[in-house]
Amino acid sequence: MHATAPDEPLSFQWRRIRGGETLTATLRFVMRIVKTNEPLLFAPARSRDLGTLPPYAGARRYRNGRAIAFDLVPLAPPPRMTSTAFRPSHIGDEIFHDVAHLAFTGLADVEVFHPIVIADGPLFAIGENGGLNTTDLVRIERQPIAGSGRIWSDVVTQSALDATIESHLRWYSRFYKRRNAVRV
């Protein structure tokens, strides 16, 4: 289905009609392949994941002075593992790729971006006993020193890409179904 990272983000849309007003939400999986000559090693974060808001852009649409589109911005699917430390560290700038250059297209009221890095090599996590465990999906996060919000990206192996996108798409579909939005 998604054997390699496409040149353009993989996009899905949902539409909700409420009170005669139509709102559209677009989900874009923004993918990049990271070439490494060695395995990637992740140290699990000890804190509990409280939910991560994906980067998004939204049109300023109001009814009676209240924003009406932002309840279409979901939390990202919960990760199996979250990490804040990894080796080799020199690829950090490649893992935290910037989605800010993806300008709001105006085609939807809300555009949600889900960053995914596809690793061409194996992923390993440090286990509870200090041993190495293979993994195929990790959410890597950075907390800015000043300001709020987290910068994050899912890191996935090439072999797990299809299953990861399908799993994430089911998560987002359930979210939009609860908001009476229909996939188009």
Protein backbone atom coordinates (compact mmCIF):
# COMPACT_ATOMS: atom_id res chain seq x y z
CA MET A 1 0.00 0.00 0.00
CA HIS A 2 2.70 2.55 1.04
CA ALA A 3 5.90 0.67 0.24
CA THR A 4 8.05 3.81 0.24
CA ALA A 5 7.71 7.38 1.42
CA PRO A 6 5.75 9.32 -1.18
CA ASP A 7 6.97 12.65 -2.50
CA GLU A 8 3.68 14.20 -1.39
CA PRO A 9 2.06 13.58 2.02
CA LEU A 10 -0.45 10.73 2.14
CA SER A 11 -3.81 12.47 2.74
CA PHE A 12 -7.26 11.49 4.00
CA GLN A 13 -10.33 13.71 4.48
CA TRP A 14 -13.42 13.76 6.69
CA ARG A 15 -16.42 16.05 6.31
CA ARG A 16 -18.94 17.08 8.95
CA ILE A 17 -22.20 18.90 8.32
CA ARG A 18 -23.72 20.53 11.38
CA GLY A 19 -26.36 23.25 11.44
CA GLY A 20 -26.07 23.80 7.69
CA GLU A 21 -22.31 24.40 7.99
CA THR A 22 -19.83 22.04 6.30
CA LEU A 23 -16.41 21.57 7.89
CA THR A 24 -13.59 19.55 6.35
CA ALA A 25 -10.62 18.00 8.15
CA THR A 26 -7.58 16.70 6.25
CA LEU A 27 -5.05 14.31 7.82
CA ARG A 28 -1.63 14.23 6.16
CA PHE A 29 1.00 11.59 6.93
CA VAL A 30 4.24 13.47 6.25
CA MET A 31 6.99 10.90 5.67
CA ARG A 32 10.74 10.99 5.24
CA ILE A 33 13.28 8.16 4.91
CA VAL A 34 16.35 8.41 7.13
CA LYS A 35 19.42 6.58 5.84
CA THR A 36 21.68 5.25 8.57
CA ASN A 37 24.65 2.94 8.43
CA GLU A 38 23.94 1.59 11.88
CA PRO A 39 20.97 0.49 13.99
CA LEU A 40 18.99 3.15 15.86
CA LEU A 41 18.92 2.74 19.65
CA PHE A 42 16.17 4.35 21.78
CA ALA A 43 15.96 4.79 25.55
CA PRO A 44 12.33 4.68 26.78
CA ALA A 45 11.00 7.76 28.54
CA ARG A 46 9.95 7.06 32.11
CA SER A 47 7.07 9.53 32.14
CA ARG A 48 3.51 8.58 31.26
CA ASP A 49 2.32 9.73 27.85
CA LEU A 50 -0.46 12.27 28.37
CA GLY A 51 -1.31 12.62 24.68
CA THR A 52 0.41 14.53 21.94
CA LEU A 53 -1.27 17.10 19.74
CA PRO A 54 -0.15 16.78 16.10
CA PRO A 55 0.98 19.89 14.26
CA TYR A 56 -2.05 21.45 12.59
CA ALA A 57 -3.24 24.46 10.66
CA GLY A 58 -6.77 25.76 10.86
CA ALA A 59 -8.94 28.27 9.12
CA ARG A 60 -10.37 30.92 11.38
CA ARG A 61 -14.09 30.15 11.04
CA TYR A 62 -16.42 31.44 13.70
CA ARG A 63 -20.08 31.17 14.61
CA ASN A 64 -21.43 33.52 17.28
CA GLY A 65 -17.86 34.57 18.09
CA ARG A 66 -16.67 30.98 18.79
CA ALA A 67 -14.19 28.95 16.72
CA ILE A 68 -16.07 26.01 15.20
CA ALA A 69 -13.37 23.92 13.51
CA PHE A 70 -10.87 23.16 16.25
CA ASP A 71 -12.81 20.28 17.78
CA LEU A 72 -11.66 18.45 14.63
CA VAL A 73 -8.02 18.43 15.85
CA PRO A 74 -7.36 15.01 17.44
CA LEU A 75 -4.64 13.80 19.74
CA ALA A 76 -2.15 11.56 17.97
CA PRO A 77 -2.54 7.79 18.45
CA PRO A 78 -0.88 6.64 21.69
CA PRO A 79 2.59 5.19 21.08
CA ARG A 80 3.74 1.79 22.26
CA MET A 81 6.95 3.45 23.38
CA THR A 82 8.03 7.07 23.82
CA SER A 83 11.67 8.08 23.86
CA THR A 84 13.58 11.30 24.38
CA ALA A 85 17.08 9.89 23.91
CA PHE A 86 18.57 7.96 21.01
CA ARG A 87 21.84 6.97 19.33
CA PRO A 88 23.44 7.82 17.01
CA SER A 89 22.60 11.38 18.04
CA HIS A 90 23.93 13.00 14.85
CA ILE A 91 20.73 12.07 12.97
CA GLY A 92 18.52 14.06 15.36
CA ASP A 93 17.92 16.88 12.91
CA GLU A 94 16.74 14.36 10.33
CA ILE A 95 14.34 12.67 12.77
CA PHE A 96 12.71 15.94 13.82
CA HIS A 97 11.80 17.06 10.36
CA ASP A 98 9.96 20.30 10.04
CA VAL A 99 6.33 20.29 8.96
CA ALA A 100 6.13 24.07 9.21
CA HIS A 101 6.99 24.37 5.52
CA LEU A 102 3.70 22.63 4.71
CA ALA A 103 1.58 25.68 4.22
CA PHE A 104 -2.12 25.59 4.97
CA THR A 105 -3.67 24.95 1.56
CA GLY A 106 -7.08 26.37 2.33
CA LEU A 107 -8.71 23.17 1.03
CA ALA A 108 -9.87 22.18 4.48
CA ASP A 109 -10.98 23.94 7.63
CA VAL A 110 -8.44 21.94 9.64
CA GLU A 111 -5.27 20.24 8.38
CA VAL A 112 -3.58 17.79 10.75
CA PHE A 113 0.00 16.64 10.08
CA HIS A 114 1.33 13.32 11.43
CA PRO A 115 5.14 13.18 10.98
CA ILE A 116 6.66 9.75 10.29
CA VAL A 117 10.34 8.94 9.79
CA ILE A 118 11.05 5.67 8.01
CA ALA A 119 14.31 4.10 9.20
CA ASP A 120 16.15 1.99 6.67
CA GLY A 121 17.77 -0.06 9.45
CA PRO A 122 16.66 -1.86 12.61
CA LEU A 123 15.30 -0.13 15.72
CA PHE A 124 16.26 -1.21 19.22
CA ALA A 125 14.92 -0.14 22.62
CA ILE A 126 16.67 -0.49 25.95
CA GLY A 127 14.57 -2.87 28.06
CA GLU A 128 13.83 -2.78 31.79
CA ASN A 129 16.77 -5.12 32.49
CA GLY A 130 19.15 -3.05 30.34
CA GLY A 131 19.06 -5.49 27.43
CA LEU A 132 18.18 -4.59 23.86
CA ASN A 133 14.76 -5.35 22.41
CA THR A 134 13.87 -4.93 18.76
CA THR A 135 10.96 -2.64 18.00
CA ASP A 136 9.33 -1.40 14.83
CA LEU A 137 7.76 1.85 16.07
CA VAL A 138 8.91 4.56 18.49
CA ARG A 139 7.63 8.08 19.11
CA ILE A 140 10.60 10.33 19.70
CA GLU A 141 9.93 13.66 21.43
CA ARG A 142 11.76 16.86 22.22
CA GLN A 143 10.54 19.35 24.79
CA PRO A 144 11.64 22.93 24.06
CA ILE A 145 13.63 24.61 26.82
CA ALA A 146 11.43 27.70 26.55
CA GLY A 147 7.79 27.70 25.56
CA SER A 148 5.23 24.96 25.51
CA GLY A 149 4.42 22.05 23.29
CA ARG A 150 6.46 19.10 22.14
CA ILE A 151 8.18 18.42 18.87
CA TRP A 152 7.71 14.79 17.93
CA SER A 153 7.88 12.25 15.15
CA ASP A 154 7.08 8.57 14.86
CA VAL A 155 10.06 6.48 13.78
CA VAL A 156 9.07 3.26 12.02
CA THR A 157 10.88 0.51 10.14
CA GLN A 158 10.20 0.13 6.43
CA SER A 159 8.64 -3.30 7.03
CA ALA A 160 6.17 -1.89 9.59
CA LEU A 161 5.15 1.21 7.62
CA ASP A 162 1.92 -0.20 6.11
CA ALA A 163 0.68 -1.64 9.40
CA THR A 164 1.55 1.58 11.25
CA ILE A 165 -0.33 3.81 8.80
CA GLU A 166 -3.35 1.47 8.85
CA SER A 167 -3.35 1.44 12.67
CA HIS A 168 -3.03 5.24 12.88
CA LEU A 169 -5.75 5.68 10.26
CA ARG A 170 -8.12 3.50 12.33
CA TRP A 171 -7.34 5.71 15.38
CA TYR A 172 -8.06 8.93 13.51
CA SER A 173 -11.19 7.44 11.88
CA ARG A 174 -12.63 6.58 15.32
CA PHE A 175 -11.92 10.14 16.46
CA TYR A 176 -13.73 11.69 13.49
CA LYS A 177 -16.62 9.23 13.73
CA ARG A 178 -17.22 10.41 17.33
CA ARG A 179 -17.47 13.94 15.91
CA ASN A 180 -20.02 12.88 13.28
CA ALA A 181 -17.56 13.39 10.42
CA VAL A 182 -17.69 11.10 7.38
CA ARG A 183 -14.59 10.06 5.45
CA VAL A 184 -14.64 11.31 1.86
